[in-house]
């Protein structure tokens, strides 16, 4: 009869996988946050020339919108969106472009 040799493979434990997933998730969260911040800063800088009669800028940062969850390949990631305010109201990020809230 033939001799059988078996080898047991050990996979990383569940806690190791969870730790790796958390590292990946936090990296994705930082990357998305930096990309959104860069887009908002660029957009505000491109509208810095818009001022009112008193010389005040009409396009300014105004805090953050509530966090929202984006579904990524490693699971949901919470992202804060910067709020930009114009003279006529708030703007929000829609996709990769800034658009007024009432635009669809």
C-alpha atoms as a PDB file:
ATOM      1  CA  UNK A   1       0.000   0.000   0.000  1.00  0.00           C
ATOM      2  CA  UNK A   2       1.226   3.516  -0.801  1.00  0.00           C
ATOM      3  CA  UNK A   3       2.454   5.706   1.986  1.00  0.00           C
ATOM      4  CA  UNK A   4       0.505   8.946   2.534  1.00  0.00           C
ATOM      5  CA  UNK A   5       2.150  12.106   3.697  1.00  0.00           C
ATOM      6  CA  UNK A   6      -0.040  15.002   4.729  1.00  0.00           C
ATOM      7  CA  UNK A   7       1.038  18.482   5.527  1.00  0.00           C
ATOM      8  CA  UNK A   8      -1.032  20.867   7.556  1.00  0.00           C
ATOM      9  CA  UNK A   9      -1.044  24.425   6.303  1.00  0.00           C
ATOM     10  CA  UNK A  10      -1.532  27.115   8.861  1.00  0.00           C
ATOM     11  CA  UNK A  11      -3.240  30.292   7.730  1.00  0.00           C
ATOM     12  CA  UNK A  12      -2.985  33.574   9.569  1.00  0.00           C
ATOM     13  CA  UNK A  13      -5.303  33.704  12.504  1.00  0.00           C
ATOM     14  CA  UNK A  14      -8.555  35.632  12.307  1.00  0.00           C
ATOM     15  CA  UNK A  15      -7.106  38.365  14.503  1.00  0.00           C
ATOM     16  CA  UNK A  16      -4.139  38.793  12.148  1.00  0.00           C
ATOM     17  CA  UNK A  17      -6.513  39.145   9.190  1.00  0.00           C
ATOM     18  CA  UNK A  18      -8.623  41.630  11.143  1.00  0.00           C
ATOM     19  CA  UNK A  19      -5.525  43.674  11.998  1.00  0.00           C
ATOM     20  CA  UNK A  20      -4.455  43.717   8.348  1.00  0.00           C
ATOM     21  CA  UNK A  21      -7.959  44.692   7.242  1.00  0.00           C
ATOM     22  CA  UNK A  22      -7.980  47.561   9.734  1.00  0.00           C
ATOM     23  CA  UNK A  23      -4.598  48.790   8.476  1.00  0.00           C
ATOM     24  CA  UNK A  24      -5.883  48.674   4.890  1.00  0.00           C
ATOM     25  CA  UNK A  25      -9.164  50.334   5.841  1.00  0.00           C
ATOM     26  CA  UNK A  26      -7.436  53.177   7.718  1.00  0.00           C
ATOM     27  CA  UNK A  27      -5.064  53.669   4.770  1.00  0.00           C
ATOM     28  CA  UNK A  28      -7.984  53.842   2.354  1.00  0.00           C
ATOM     29  CA  UNK A  29      -9.752  56.287   4.663  1.00  0.00           C
ATOM     30  CA  UNK A  30      -6.678  58.561   4.822  1.00  0.00           C
ATOM     31  CA  UNK A  31      -6.180  58.355   1.053  1.00  0.00           C
ATOM     32  CA  UNK A  32      -9.813  59.297   0.336  1.00  0.00           C
ATOM     33  CA  UNK A  33      -9.721  62.118   2.903  1.00  0.00           C
ATOM     34  CA  UNK A  34      -6.535  63.566   1.402  1.00  0.00           C
ATOM     35  CA  UNK A  35      -7.949  63.357  -2.131  1.00  0.00           C
ATOM     36  CA  UNK A  36     -11.178  65.104  -1.127  1.00  0.00           C
ATOM     37  CA  UNK A  37      -9.277  67.803   0.815  1.00  0.00           C
ATOM     38  CA  UNK A  38      -6.964  68.420  -2.150  1.00  0.00           C
ATOM     39  CA  UNK A  39      -9.914  68.756  -4.530  1.00  0.00           C
ATOM     40  CA  UNK A  40     -11.693  71.198  -2.217  1.00  0.00           C
ATOM     41  CA  UNK A  41      -8.547  73.296  -1.681  1.00  0.00           C
ATOM     42  CA  UNK A  42      -7.937  73.443  -5.435  1.00  0.00           C
ATOM     43  CA  UNK A  43     -11.553  74.416  -6.108  1.00  0.00           C
ATOM     44  CA  UNK A  44     -11.534  77.150  -3.455  1.00  0.00           C
ATOM     45  CA  UNK A  45      -8.201  78.497  -4.743  1.00  0.00           C
ATOM     46  CA  UNK A  46      -9.613  78.667  -8.281  1.00  0.00           C
ATOM     47  CA  UNK A  47     -12.452  80.874  -6.963  1.00  0.00           C
ATOM     48  CA  UNK A  48     -10.354  83.074  -4.658  1.00  0.00           C
ATOM     49  CA  UNK A  49     -10.903  86.070  -6.941  1.00  0.00           C
ATOM     50  CA  UNK A  50     -14.648  86.106  -6.241  1.00  0.00           C
ATOM     51  CA  UNK A  51     -15.319  88.730  -3.576  1.00  0.00           C
ATOM     52  CA  UNK A  52     -18.216  90.942  -2.522  1.00  0.00           C
ATOM     53  CA  UNK A  53     -18.277  94.756  -2.429  1.00  0.00           C
ATOM     54  CA  UNK A  54     -16.515  94.756   0.964  1.00  0.00           C
ATOM     55  CA  UNK A  55     -13.712  92.537  -0.398  1.00  0.00           C
ATOM     56  CA  UNK A  56     -14.754  89.388   1.472  1.00  0.00           C
ATOM     57  CA  UNK A  57     -14.234  86.063  -0.262  1.00  0.00           C
ATOM     58  CA  UNK A  58     -17.441  84.465  -1.493  1.00  0.00           C
ATOM     59  CA  UNK A  59     -16.136  80.883  -1.635  1.00  0.00           C
ATOM     60  CA  UNK A  60     -14.933  79.630   1.744  1.00  0.00           C
ATOM     61  CA  UNK A  61     -14.588  76.436   3.786  1.00  0.00           C
ATOM     62  CA  UNK A  62     -17.389  75.855   6.256  1.00  0.00           C
ATOM     63  CA  UNK A  63     -16.600  72.786   8.360  1.00  0.00           C
ATOM     64  CA  UNK A  64     -17.590  69.257   7.359  1.00  0.00           C
ATOM     65  CA  UNK A  65     -20.717  67.435   6.310  1.00  0.00           C
ATOM     66  CA  UNK A  66     -21.741  64.406   8.396  1.00  0.00           C
ATOM     67  CA  UNK A  67     -19.572  61.347   7.802  1.00  0.00           C
ATOM     68  CA  UNK A  68     -20.791  58.955   5.172  1.00  0.00           C
ATOM     69  CA  UNK A  69     -19.904  55.378   4.479  1.00  0.00           C
ATOM     70  CA  UNK A  70     -18.374  54.439   1.125  1.00  0.00           C
ATOM     71  CA  UNK A  71     -18.255  50.812   0.073  1.00  0.00           C
ATOM     72  CA  UNK A  72     -14.751  49.780  -1.024  1.00  0.00           C
ATOM     73  CA  UNK A  73     -13.142  46.467  -1.894  1.00  0.00           C
ATOM     74  CA  UNK A  74     -12.136  45.997   1.740  1.00  0.00           C
ATOM     75  CA  UNK A  75     -15.523  46.940   3.117  1.00  0.00           C
ATOM     76  CA  UNK A  76     -17.213  50.168   4.155  1.00  0.00           C
ATOM     77  CA  UNK A  77     -15.007  53.196   4.915  1.00  0.00           C
ATOM     78  CA  UNK A  78     -16.207  56.319   6.764  1.00  0.00           C
ATOM     79  CA  UNK A  79     -15.305  59.597   5.025  1.00  0.00           C
ATOM     80  CA  UNK A  80     -15.894  63.226   6.060  1.00  0.00           C
ATOM     81  CA  UNK A  81     -16.656  65.665   3.278  1.00  0.00           C
ATOM     82  CA  UNK A  82     -15.506  69.270   3.620  1.00  0.00           C
ATOM     83  CA  UNK A  83     -18.301  71.800   3.274  1.00  0.00           C
ATOM     84  CA  UNK A  84     -17.794  74.744   0.924  1.00  0.00           C
ATOM     85  CA  UNK A  85     -20.028  77.781   1.166  1.00  0.00           C
ATOM     86  CA  UNK A  86     -20.866  80.207  -1.597  1.00  0.00           C
ATOM     87  CA  UNK A  87     -22.823  83.399  -1.249  1.00  0.00           C
ATOM     88  CA  UNK A  88     -26.019  81.585  -2.283  1.00  0.00           C
ATOM     89  CA  UNK A  89     -25.641  78.375  -0.209  1.00  0.00           C
ATOM     90  CA  UNK A  90     -23.748  75.203   0.608  1.00  0.00           C
ATOM     91  CA  UNK A  91     -22.010  72.960  -1.888  1.00  0.00           C
ATOM     92  CA  UNK A  92     -21.349  69.287  -1.446  1.00  0.00           C
ATOM     93  CA  UNK A  93     -19.097  66.809  -3.190  1.00  0.00           C
ATOM     94  CA  UNK A  94     -20.978  64.706  -5.690  1.00  0.00           C
ATOM     95  CA  UNK A  95     -18.812  62.036  -7.267  1.00  0.00           C
ATOM     96  CA  UNK A  96     -15.533  63.763  -8.026  1.00  0.00           C
ATOM     97  CA  UNK A  97     -16.913  67.237  -8.703  1.00  0.00           C
ATOM     98  CA  UNK A  98     -18.294  69.946  -6.454  1.00  0.00           C
ATOM     99  CA  UNK A  99     -21.935  70.615  -7.199  1.00  0.00           C
ATOM    100  CA  UNK A 100     -24.707  72.507  -5.442  1.00  0.00           C
ATOM    101  CA  UNK A 101     -26.895  70.269  -3.313  1.00  0.00           C
ATOM    102  CA  UNK A 102     -29.947  70.840  -5.549  1.00  0.00           C
ATOM    103  CA  UNK A 103     -28.157  69.654  -8.728  1.00  0.00           C
ATOM    104  CA  UNK A 104     -28.840  66.056  -9.733  1.00  0.00           C
END
